[in-house]
N, C-alpha and C. Protein backbone atom coordinates (compact mmCIF):
# COMPACT_ATOMS: atom_id res chain seq x y z
N UNK A 1 13.28 2.14 -16.06
CA UNK A 1 14.06 0.84 -16.19
C UNK A 1 14.34 0.27 -17.40
N UNK A 2 15.14 -0.17 -18.02
CA UNK A 2 15.31 -0.52 -19.13
C UNK A 2 15.33 -2.16 -18.83
N UNK A 3 14.24 -2.96 -19.88
CA UNK A 3 14.60 -4.56 -19.62
C UNK A 3 15.89 -4.97 -19.81
N UNK A 4 16.33 -5.83 -18.79
CA UNK A 4 17.69 -6.60 -18.91
C UNK A 4 17.39 -7.89 -19.65
N UNK A 5 18.36 -8.12 -20.56
CA UNK A 5 18.38 -9.37 -21.37
C UNK A 5 18.77 -10.61 -20.34
N UNK A 6 18.46 -11.61 -20.70
CA UNK A 6 18.85 -12.81 -20.08
C UNK A 6 20.20 -12.68 -19.36
N UNK A 7 21.13 -12.36 -20.31
CA UNK A 7 22.74 -12.39 -19.81
C UNK A 7 22.83 -11.47 -18.78
N UNK A 8 22.10 -10.05 -18.56
CA UNK A 8 22.32 -9.14 -17.50
C UNK A 8 21.57 -9.49 -16.32
N UNK A 9 21.01 -10.32 -16.24
CA UNK A 9 20.29 -10.71 -14.76
C UNK A 9 21.12 -11.39 -14.09
N UNK A 10 20.93 -10.96 -12.53
CA UNK A 10 21.76 -11.77 -11.68
C UNK A 10 21.67 -13.26 -11.61
N UNK A 11 20.40 -13.97 -11.97
CA UNK A 11 20.28 -15.55 -11.99
C UNK A 11 18.78 -15.47 -12.94
N UNK A 12 18.56 -16.66 -13.19
CA UNK A 12 17.47 -17.07 -13.80
C UNK A 12 16.28 -17.52 -12.97
N UNK A 13 16.29 -17.24 -11.55
CA UNK A 13 15.69 -17.44 -10.52
C UNK A 13 14.06 -16.56 -10.58
N UNK A 14 12.92 -17.04 -10.99
CA UNK A 14 11.76 -15.93 -11.23
C UNK A 14 11.56 -15.11 -9.98
N UNK A 15 11.86 -15.52 -8.70
CA UNK A 15 11.77 -14.51 -7.82
C UNK A 15 12.81 -13.19 -7.98
N UNK A 16 14.19 -13.72 -8.10
CA UNK A 16 15.06 -12.65 -8.38
C UNK A 16 14.89 -11.92 -9.61
N UNK A 17 13.95 -12.10 -10.55
CA UNK A 17 13.69 -11.41 -11.68
C UNK A 17 12.44 -10.78 -11.54
N UNK A 18 11.61 -10.95 -10.52
CA UNK A 18 10.52 -10.29 -10.18
C UNK A 18 10.76 -9.17 -9.41
N UNK A 19 11.83 -9.38 -8.38
CA UNK A 19 12.25 -8.21 -7.62
C UNK A 19 13.07 -7.14 -8.54
N UNK A 20 13.79 -7.71 -9.43
CA UNK A 20 14.61 -6.75 -10.29
C UNK A 20 13.45 -5.71 -11.10
N UNK A 21 12.36 -6.29 -11.60
CA UNK A 21 11.13 -5.68 -12.36
C UNK A 21 10.28 -4.55 -11.37
N UNK A 22 10.26 -5.05 -10.11
CA UNK A 22 9.55 -4.35 -9.07
C UNK A 22 10.17 -3.60 -8.06
N UNK A 23 11.33 -4.01 -7.99
CA UNK A 23 12.85 -3.02 -7.30
C UNK A 23 12.46 -3.10 -5.77
N UNK A 24 11.50 -2.33 -5.34
CA UNK A 24 11.51 -1.98 -3.77
C UNK A 24 9.99 -1.88 -3.26
N UNK A 25 9.99 -1.46 -2.02
CA UNK A 25 8.62 -1.48 -1.20
C UNK A 25 7.93 -0.21 -2.01
N UNK A 26 8.46 0.78 -2.55
CA UNK A 26 7.75 1.95 -3.17
C UNK A 26 6.82 1.65 -4.39
N UNK A 27 7.55 0.79 -5.04
CA UNK A 27 6.96 0.10 -6.54
C UNK A 27 5.68 -0.48 -5.82
N UNK A 28 5.83 -1.52 -5.18
CA UNK A 28 4.53 -2.27 -4.66
C UNK A 28 3.72 -1.34 -3.96
N UNK A 29 3.75 -0.37 -3.56
CA UNK A 29 2.75 0.78 -2.74
C UNK A 29 2.29 1.05 -3.85
N UNK A 30 2.91 1.53 -4.93
CA UNK A 30 2.33 2.22 -6.14
C UNK A 30 1.27 1.52 -6.72
N UNK A 31 1.71 0.25 -6.84
CA UNK A 31 0.82 -0.66 -7.66
C UNK A 31 -0.53 -0.95 -6.73
N UNK A 32 -0.47 -1.25 -5.26
CA UNK A 32 -1.44 -1.37 -4.44
C UNK A 32 -2.39 -0.16 -4.59
N UNK A 33 -1.80 1.16 -4.44
CA UNK A 33 -2.70 2.28 -4.70
C UNK A 33 -3.44 2.15 -5.82
N UNK A 34 -2.83 1.79 -7.04
CA UNK A 34 -3.76 1.66 -8.41
C UNK A 34 -4.64 0.48 -8.46
N UNK A 35 -3.99 -0.58 -7.70
CA UNK A 35 -5.27 -1.67 -7.78
C UNK A 35 -6.39 -1.50 -6.82
N UNK A 36 -6.07 -1.21 -5.60
CA UNK A 36 -7.18 -1.27 -4.41
C UNK A 36 -7.74 -0.10 -4.17
N UNK A 37 -7.03 1.03 -4.42
CA UNK A 37 -7.49 2.43 -3.75
C UNK A 37 -8.01 3.28 -4.99
N UNK A 38 -7.80 3.06 -6.28
CA UNK A 38 -8.39 3.51 -7.34
C UNK A 38 -7.53 4.61 -7.94
N UNK A 39 -6.24 4.94 -7.29
CA UNK A 39 -5.53 6.33 -7.63
C UNK A 39 -4.97 5.93 -8.98
N UNK A 40 -4.73 7.35 -9.66
CA UNK A 40 -4.16 7.37 -10.97
C UNK A 40 -3.36 8.50 -11.35
N UNK A 41 -3.45 9.54 -10.37
CA UNK A 41 -2.22 10.63 -10.72
C UNK A 41 -1.16 10.64 -9.54
N UNK A 42 -0.24 11.15 -10.17
CA UNK A 42 1.00 11.50 -9.09
C UNK A 42 0.59 12.16 -7.95
N UNK A 43 -0.40 13.02 -7.93
CA UNK A 43 -0.49 13.75 -6.58
C UNK A 43 -1.54 12.48 -5.85
N UNK A 44 -2.48 11.98 -6.20
CA UNK A 44 -3.02 11.02 -5.49
C UNK A 44 -1.99 9.89 -5.12
N UNK A 45 -1.13 9.26 -5.65
CA UNK A 45 0.02 8.68 -5.12
C UNK A 45 0.86 9.30 -3.74
N UNK A 46 1.39 10.72 -4.12
CA UNK A 46 1.94 11.24 -3.04
C UNK A 46 1.33 11.42 -1.89
N UNK A 47 0.01 11.74 -1.90
CA UNK A 47 -0.81 12.04 -0.84
C UNK A 47 -1.53 10.63 -0.12
N UNK A 48 -0.77 9.69 -0.74
CA UNK A 48 -1.28 8.40 -0.06
C UNK A 48 -1.10 7.97 1.42
N UNK A 49 -0.30 8.94 1.95
CA UNK A 49 0.23 8.71 3.37
C UNK A 49 1.28 7.74 3.69
N UNK A 50 1.90 7.37 2.67
CA UNK A 50 3.26 6.64 2.92
C UNK A 50 4.36 7.27 3.30
N UNK A 51 4.35 8.83 2.49
CA UNK A 51 5.75 9.70 2.91
C UNK A 51 6.43 9.57 1.93
N UNK A 52 6.34 9.09 0.59
CA UNK A 52 7.22 9.07 -0.38
C UNK A 52 7.49 10.30 -0.92
N UNK A 53 9.03 10.67 -1.17
CA UNK A 53 9.32 11.92 -1.93
C UNK A 53 8.96 12.10 -3.07
N UNK A 54 8.69 13.14 -3.76
CA UNK A 54 8.25 13.45 -5.18
C UNK A 54 9.52 12.83 -6.02
N UNK A 55 10.76 12.90 -5.88
CA UNK A 55 11.87 12.50 -6.84
C UNK A 55 11.77 10.83 -6.72
N UNK A 56 11.34 10.38 -5.44
CA UNK A 56 11.44 8.83 -5.57
C UNK A 56 10.24 8.36 -6.43
N UNK A 57 9.06 8.94 -6.24
CA UNK A 57 7.87 8.56 -6.61
C UNK A 57 7.91 8.64 -8.50
N UNK A 58 8.63 9.60 -8.74
CA UNK A 58 8.83 9.99 -10.11
C UNK A 58 9.68 9.13 -10.83
N UNK A 59 10.44 8.53 -9.95
CA UNK A 59 11.46 7.55 -10.48
C UNK A 59 10.86 5.91 -10.64
N UNK A 60 10.05 5.78 -9.65
CA UNK A 60 9.17 4.58 -9.58
C UNK A 60 8.22 4.19 -10.49
N UNK A 61 7.70 5.37 -10.90
CA UNK A 61 6.48 5.38 -11.69
C UNK A 61 7.03 5.21 -13.18
N UNK A 62 8.40 5.68 -13.30
CA UNK A 62 9.31 5.67 -14.62
C UNK A 62 9.77 4.08 -14.93
N UNK A 63 10.43 3.57 -13.67
CA UNK A 63 10.59 2.28 -13.49
C UNK A 63 9.56 1.29 -14.08
N UNK A 64 8.27 1.51 -13.15
CA UNK A 64 7.37 0.56 -13.52
C UNK A 64 7.00 0.41 -14.96
N UNK A 65 6.62 1.83 -15.40
CA UNK A 65 6.81 2.11 -16.79
C UNK A 65 7.30 1.30 -17.64
N UNK A 66 8.50 1.28 -17.40
CA UNK A 66 9.67 0.58 -18.19
C UNK A 66 9.38 -0.93 -18.21
N UNK A 67 9.22 -1.18 -17.11
CA UNK A 67 9.15 -2.82 -16.71
C UNK A 67 7.56 -3.31 -16.98
N UNK A 68 6.80 -2.51 -17.83
CA UNK A 68 5.41 -2.88 -18.42
C UNK A 68 4.55 -2.99 -17.43
N UNK A 69 4.58 -2.56 -16.13
CA UNK A 69 3.68 -2.86 -15.10
C UNK A 69 2.61 -1.64 -15.44
N UNK A 70 3.10 -0.33 -15.76
CA UNK A 70 2.05 0.74 -15.53
C UNK A 70 2.13 1.34 -16.92
N UNK A 71 1.13 2.12 -17.57
CA UNK A 71 1.29 2.77 -18.55
C UNK A 71 0.47 3.92 -18.33
N UNK A 72 1.24 5.21 -19.02
CA UNK A 72 0.58 6.61 -18.83
C UNK A 72 -0.40 6.68 -19.93
N UNK A 73 -1.25 7.56 -19.52
CA UNK A 73 -2.44 7.91 -20.36
C UNK A 73 -2.90 9.40 -20.11
N UNK A 74 -2.68 10.23 -21.18
CA UNK A 74 -3.34 11.57 -21.26
C UNK A 74 -4.30 11.84 -20.86
N UNK A 75 -4.88 12.61 -19.89
CA UNK A 75 -6.44 13.15 -19.71
C UNK A 75 -6.88 13.90 -20.74
N UNK A 76 -8.07 14.00 -20.66
CA UNK A 76 -9.08 14.60 -21.80
C UNK A 76 -8.38 16.28 -22.12
N UNK A 77 -8.20 16.81 -20.58
CA UNK A 77 -8.10 18.07 -20.75
C UNK A 77 -6.54 18.38 -21.19
N UNK A 78 -5.49 17.35 -21.47
CA UNK A 78 -4.43 17.41 -21.69
C UNK A 78 -3.35 17.94 -20.65
N UNK A 79 -3.98 18.29 -19.85
CA UNK A 79 -2.78 18.83 -18.66
C UNK A 79 -2.58 17.81 -17.49
N UNK A 80 -3.31 16.88 -17.43
CA UNK A 80 -2.93 15.51 -16.30
C UNK A 80 -2.64 14.49 -17.10
N UNK A 81 -1.85 13.64 -16.60
CA UNK A 81 -1.30 12.37 -16.69
C UNK A 81 -2.25 11.40 -15.78
N UNK A 82 -2.66 10.39 -16.40
CA UNK A 82 -3.03 9.15 -15.62
C UNK A 82 -2.02 7.81 -15.82
N UNK A 83 -2.24 7.04 -14.68
CA UNK A 83 -1.23 6.33 -14.59
C UNK A 83 -2.45 4.62 -14.60
N UNK A 84 -2.26 3.64 -15.23
CA UNK A 84 -2.86 2.68 -15.37
C UNK A 84 -2.15 1.45 -15.47
N UNK A 85 -2.63 0.43 -14.65
CA UNK A 85 -1.73 -0.76 -14.66
C UNK A 85 -2.20 -1.58 -15.92
N UNK A 86 -1.24 -2.17 -16.55
CA UNK A 86 -1.35 -3.09 -17.40
C UNK A 86 -1.85 -4.57 -17.16
N UNK A 87 -1.92 -4.95 -18.00
CA UNK A 87 -2.49 -6.63 -17.82
C UNK A 87 -1.10 -7.11 -17.08
N UNK A 88 0.11 -6.98 -17.32
CA UNK A 88 1.00 -7.45 -16.60
C UNK A 88 0.88 -6.85 -15.07
N UNK A 89 0.56 -5.60 -14.92
CA UNK A 89 0.39 -5.19 -13.54
C UNK A 89 -0.69 -5.29 -12.70
N UNK A 90 -2.23 -5.83 -13.55
CA UNK A 90 -2.93 -6.28 -12.76
C UNK A 90 -2.83 -7.73 -12.27
N UNK A 91 -2.07 -8.57 -13.05
CA UNK A 91 -1.49 -9.86 -12.90
C UNK A 91 -1.07 -9.94 -11.44
N UNK A 92 -0.41 -8.64 -10.85
CA UNK A 92 -0.16 -9.08 -9.45
C UNK A 92 -1.21 -8.84 -8.42
N UNK A 93 -2.20 -8.92 -8.64
CA UNK A 93 -3.72 -8.87 -7.56
C UNK A 93 -3.15 -10.03 -6.58
N UNK A 94 -2.97 -11.26 -7.26
CA UNK A 94 -2.79 -12.09 -6.28
C UNK A 94 -1.82 -12.31 -5.35
N UNK A 95 -0.81 -11.63 -5.72
CA UNK A 95 0.31 -11.23 -5.00
C UNK A 95 0.20 -10.28 -3.77
N UNK A 96 -0.48 -9.18 -4.12
CA UNK A 96 -0.91 -8.14 -2.94
C UNK A 96 -1.51 -8.61 -2.37
N UNK A 97 -2.66 -9.47 -2.68
CA UNK A 97 -3.70 -9.72 -1.58
C UNK A 97 -2.87 -10.72 -0.90
N UNK A 98 -2.23 -11.77 -1.06
CA UNK A 98 -1.22 -12.55 -0.25
C UNK A 98 -0.45 -11.89 0.80
N UNK A 99 0.22 -10.70 0.57
CA UNK A 99 1.10 -9.94 0.94
C UNK A 99 0.38 -9.27 2.33
N UNK A 100 -0.79 -8.63 1.85
CA UNK A 100 -1.98 -7.98 2.75
C UNK A 100 -2.39 -8.75 3.82
N UNK A 101 -2.60 -10.22 3.29
CA UNK A 101 -2.98 -11.17 4.21
C UNK A 101 -1.98 -11.32 5.29
N UNK A 102 -1.05 -11.85 4.66
CA UNK A 102 0.28 -12.14 5.44
C UNK A 102 0.88 -11.28 6.35
N UNK A 103 0.88 -9.90 5.79
CA UNK A 103 1.31 -8.79 6.74
C UNK A 103 0.20 -8.50 8.15
N UNK A 104 -1.04 -8.74 7.72
CA UNK A 104 -1.96 -8.40 8.82
C UNK A 104 -1.73 -9.42 9.73
N UNK A 105 -1.46 -10.76 9.15
CA UNK A 105 -1.31 -11.82 10.47
C UNK A 105 -0.26 -12.01 10.96
N UNK A 106 0.74 -11.47 10.52
CA UNK A 106 2.04 -11.65 11.08
C UNK A 106 2.75 -10.40 11.73
N UNK A 107 2.14 -9.34 11.64
CA UNK A 107 2.73 -8.01 12.11
C UNK A 107 1.57 -7.27 12.48
N UNK A 108 1.73 -6.36 13.58
CA UNK A 108 0.82 -5.26 13.95
C UNK A 108 0.29 -4.41 13.01
N UNK A 109 -0.94 -4.11 12.47
CA UNK A 109 -1.07 -3.46 11.42
C UNK A 109 -2.51 -2.43 11.76
N UNK A 110 -3.18 -1.85 10.97
CA UNK A 110 -4.39 -1.30 11.43
C UNK A 110 -5.57 -1.61 10.64
N UNK A 111 -5.19 -2.83 9.99
CA UNK A 111 -6.26 -3.48 9.27
C UNK A 111 -7.25 -4.32 10.25
N UNK A 112 -8.35 -3.89 9.86
CA UNK A 112 -9.56 -4.80 10.88
C UNK A 112 -9.44 -6.12 10.55
N UNK A 113 -9.39 -6.79 11.54
CA UNK A 113 -9.22 -8.46 11.37
C UNK A 113 -10.10 -9.06 10.50
N UNK A 114 -11.51 -8.22 11.04
CA UNK A 114 -12.80 -8.86 10.16
C UNK A 114 -12.55 -8.74 8.69
N UNK A 115 -11.97 -7.83 8.21
CA UNK A 115 -11.89 -7.48 6.94
C UNK A 115 -10.96 -8.24 6.21
N UNK A 116 -9.78 -8.60 6.92
CA UNK A 116 -8.77 -9.46 6.28
C UNK A 116 -9.01 -11.06 6.22
N UNK A 117 -10.08 -11.27 7.64
CA UNK A 117 -10.40 -12.60 7.39
C UNK A 117 -11.36 -13.01 6.44
N UNK A 118 -12.44 -11.66 6.18
CA UNK A 118 -13.15 -12.00 4.95
C UNK A 118 -12.24 -11.97 3.49
N UNK A 119 -11.26 -11.52 3.16
CA UNK A 119 -10.47 -11.34 1.84
C UNK A 119 -10.09 -12.83 2.06
N UNK A 120 -9.53 -13.12 3.06
CA UNK A 120 -8.66 -14.45 3.17
C UNK A 120 -9.64 -15.62 2.61
N UNK A 121 -11.08 -15.55 3.22
CA UNK A 121 -11.95 -16.58 3.00
C UNK A 121 -12.49 -16.64 1.62
N UNK A 122 -12.30 -15.44 0.75
CA UNK A 122 -13.01 -15.18 -0.38
C UNK A 122 -11.79 -14.37 -1.20
N UNK A 123 -10.62 -15.05 -1.26
CA UNK A 123 -9.51 -14.81 -2.57
C UNK A 123 -10.11 -14.49 -3.69
N UNK A 124 -10.73 -15.59 -4.29
CA UNK A 124 -11.00 -15.61 -5.49
C UNK A 124 -11.75 -14.33 -6.08
N UNK A 125 -12.91 -14.25 -5.15
CA UNK A 125 -13.98 -13.11 -5.45
C UNK A 125 -13.15 -11.71 -5.29
N UNK A 126 -12.16 -11.65 -4.33
CA UNK A 126 -11.30 -10.30 -4.08
C UNK A 126 -10.41 -10.13 -5.31
N UNK A 127 -9.82 -11.03 -5.84
CA UNK A 127 -9.04 -11.17 -7.13
C UNK A 127 -10.02 -10.65 -8.26
N UNK A 128 -11.05 -11.19 -8.53
CA UNK A 128 -11.98 -11.08 -9.45
C UNK A 128 -12.51 -9.71 -9.69
N UNK A 129 -12.95 -9.07 -8.30
CA UNK A 129 -13.32 -7.64 -8.16
C UNK A 129 -12.16 -6.92 -8.80
N UNK A 130 -11.06 -7.14 -8.44
CA UNK A 130 -9.78 -6.37 -8.80
C UNK A 130 -9.65 -6.46 -10.15
N UNK A 131 -9.70 -7.36 -10.77
CA UNK A 131 -9.77 -7.51 -12.24
C UNK A 131 -10.88 -6.71 -13.06
N UNK A 132 -12.25 -7.05 -12.24
CA UNK A 132 -13.32 -6.38 -12.86
C UNK A 132 -13.07 -4.61 -13.02
N UNK A 133 -12.72 -4.15 -11.76
CA UNK A 133 -12.49 -2.94 -11.90
C UNK A 133 -11.34 -2.50 -12.80
N UNK A 134 -10.52 -3.13 -12.92
CA UNK A 134 -9.56 -2.98 -13.87
C UNK A 134 -9.88 -2.62 -15.33
N UNK A 135 -10.55 -4.06 -15.66
CA UNK A 135 -11.36 -3.95 -17.06
C UNK A 135 -12.12 -2.69 -17.39
N UNK A 136 -13.19 -2.46 -16.33
CA UNK A 136 -14.10 -1.31 -16.42
C UNK A 136 -13.64 -0.17 -16.33
N UNK A 137 -12.20 0.11 -15.92
CA UNK A 137 -11.62 1.47 -15.60
C UNK A 137 -12.33 2.00 -14.22
N UNK A 138 -12.94 1.28 -13.18
CA UNK A 138 -13.54 1.57 -12.38
C UNK A 138 -12.52 1.96 -11.00
N UNK A 139 -12.66 3.14 -10.64
CA UNK A 139 -11.71 3.75 -9.73
C UNK A 139 -12.36 3.93 -8.29
N UNK A 140 -13.34 3.25 -8.08
CA UNK A 140 -13.78 3.15 -6.94
C UNK A 140 -12.85 1.99 -6.08
N UNK A 141 -12.55 2.63 -4.77
CA UNK A 141 -11.67 1.81 -3.97
C UNK A 141 -12.10 0.35 -3.72
N UNK A 142 -11.34 -0.22 -3.89
CA UNK A 142 -11.91 -2.03 -3.53
C UNK A 142 -11.61 -2.07 -2.16
N UNK A 143 -10.68 -1.30 -1.49
CA UNK A 143 -10.47 -1.52 0.10
C UNK A 143 -10.11 -0.09 0.57
N UNK A 144 -10.78 0.35 1.52
CA UNK A 144 -10.69 1.59 1.84
C UNK A 144 -8.98 1.52 2.69
N UNK A 145 -8.48 3.17 2.99
CA UNK A 145 -7.14 2.78 3.69
C UNK A 145 -7.19 2.60 4.96
N UNK A 146 -6.29 1.80 5.52
CA UNK A 146 -6.76 1.49 6.91
C UNK A 146 -6.27 2.77 8.16
N UNK A 147 -5.72 3.61 7.56
CA UNK A 147 -5.70 4.47 8.47
C UNK A 147 -5.58 5.84 7.87
N UNK A 148 -6.24 7.01 8.43
CA UNK A 148 -6.13 8.40 7.38
C UNK A 148 -4.76 8.88 7.37
N UNK A 149 -4.41 9.37 6.09
CA UNK A 149 -3.06 10.11 6.03
C UNK A 149 -2.92 11.00 7.28
N UNK A 150 -2.04 11.01 7.74
CA UNK A 150 -1.82 12.27 8.66
C UNK A 150 -1.97 11.77 10.45
N UNK A 151 -3.06 10.77 10.25
CA UNK A 151 -3.42 10.54 11.85
C UNK A 151 -2.03 9.59 12.15
N UNK A 152 -1.74 9.85 13.40
CA UNK A 152 -0.79 9.27 14.19
C UNK A 152 -1.13 7.70 14.20
N UNK A 153 -0.29 6.91 14.10
CA UNK A 153 -0.58 5.51 14.12
C UNK A 153 -0.63 4.95 15.77
N UNK A 154 -1.63 4.23 16.24
CA UNK A 154 -1.75 3.89 17.65
C UNK A 154 -0.62 3.04 18.01
N UNK A 155 -0.14 3.44 19.14
CA UNK A 155 1.21 2.80 19.73
C UNK A 155 0.82 1.84 20.76
N UNK A 156 1.31 0.70 20.66
CA UNK A 156 1.28 -0.34 21.96
C UNK A 156 1.75 0.21 23.08
N UNK A 157 0.80 0.07 24.46
CA UNK A 157 1.59 0.62 25.49
C UNK A 157 2.86 -0.16 25.74
N UNK A 158 4.08 0.61 26.48
CA UNK A 158 5.13 -0.03 26.69
C UNK A 158 5.06 -0.96 27.93
N UNK A 159 4.19 -0.63 28.92
CA UNK A 159 3.93 -1.32 30.00
C UNK A 159 2.11 -1.60 30.28
N UNK A 160 1.82 -2.61 30.83
CA UNK A 160 0.55 -2.92 31.10
C UNK A 160 -0.14 -1.76 31.83
N UNK A 161 -1.42 -1.52 31.52
CA UNK A 161 -2.34 -0.40 32.30
C UNK A 161 -2.39 -0.91 33.83
N UNK A 162 -1.88 -0.35 34.41
CA UNK A 162 -2.04 -0.36 35.86
C UNK A 162 -2.83 0.71 36.44
N UNK A 163 -3.49 0.43 37.81
CA UNK A 163 -4.56 1.20 38.24
C UNK A 163 -3.66 2.52 38.64
N UNK A 164 -4.37 3.36 38.64
CA UNK A 164 -3.84 4.95 38.99
C UNK A 164 -3.51 4.96 40.42
N UNK A 165 -2.87 5.52 41.11
CA UNK A 165 -2.55 5.62 42.64
C UNK A 165 -3.99 6.52 43.25
N UNK A 166 -4.54 6.31 44.22
CA UNK A 166 -5.46 7.27 44.78
C UNK A 166 -4.89 8.56 44.98
N UNK A 167 -5.78 9.53 44.83
CA UNK A 167 -5.36 10.87 45.03
C UNK A 167 -5.40 11.25 46.65
N UNK A 168 -4.41 11.89 47.11
CA UNK A 168 -4.61 12.16 48.28
C UNK A 168 -5.58 13.77 48.44
N UNK A 169 -6.21 13.63 49.66
CA UNK A 169 -7.26 14.34 49.98
C UNK A 169 -6.28 15.82 50.44
N UNK A 170 -5.34 15.64 50.78
CA UNK A 170 -4.16 16.89 51.51
C UNK A 170 -3.64 17.77 50.29
N UNK A 171 -3.45 18.84 50.30
CA UNK A 171 -3.00 19.54 49.31
C UNK A 171 -1.40 19.78 49.64
N UNK A 172 -0.56 19.68 48.45
CA UNK A 172 0.56 19.65 48.63
C UNK A 172 1.35 21.01 49.25
N UNK A 173 2.38 20.29 50.06
CA UNK A 173 3.05 21.65 50.71
C UNK A 173 2.52 21.90 52.19
N UNK A 174 1.41 21.63 52.52
CA UNK A 174 0.65 21.90 53.57
C UNK A 174 0.62 20.82 54.72
N UNK A 175 1.08 20.78 55.69
CA UNK A 175 1.27 19.82 56.89
C UNK A 175 -0.03 19.34 57.15
N UNK A 176 -0.11 18.05 57.54
CA UNK A 176 -1.44 17.39 57.90
C UNK A 176 -1.76 17.79 59.35
N UNK A 177 -3.24 18.12 59.63
CA UNK A 177 -3.53 18.32 60.96
C UNK A 177 -3.93 17.30 61.77
């Protein structure tokens, strides 16, 4: 994504401009994975459990890099590429934390209520820890995934759980005596 000049933007609204830089859900999920899960490689992002196609992932990483949200680093072996949040990218920590809290309170999620309540009560500490991990290049997950990739999401029952009818002692097809 090439940085747009002021004349090329839809409006001067900060929300509109932010959305132009971040783009869509995939971009925010990539930033989330870097910030809270410690992911750094294309393969890790692809296996995050969200189902992102490789072409979309590649495109979003390029756009995030062009937007100054992430930067690429070459691994010591020269074969791997690592992605890292920039200062502009880690500055999204408060935004992602608020989205996490809002989403878990407004929608059905797999996030444990106690964990969300603890993060909501300690917002400053959670954000400070995200910054500390970024500064020290600590890739230890800040929070674990809320469900395992490949594990089916629990479905709410469509009807209330009703007691099952009592079993009959007579075999089917046989007349009662």
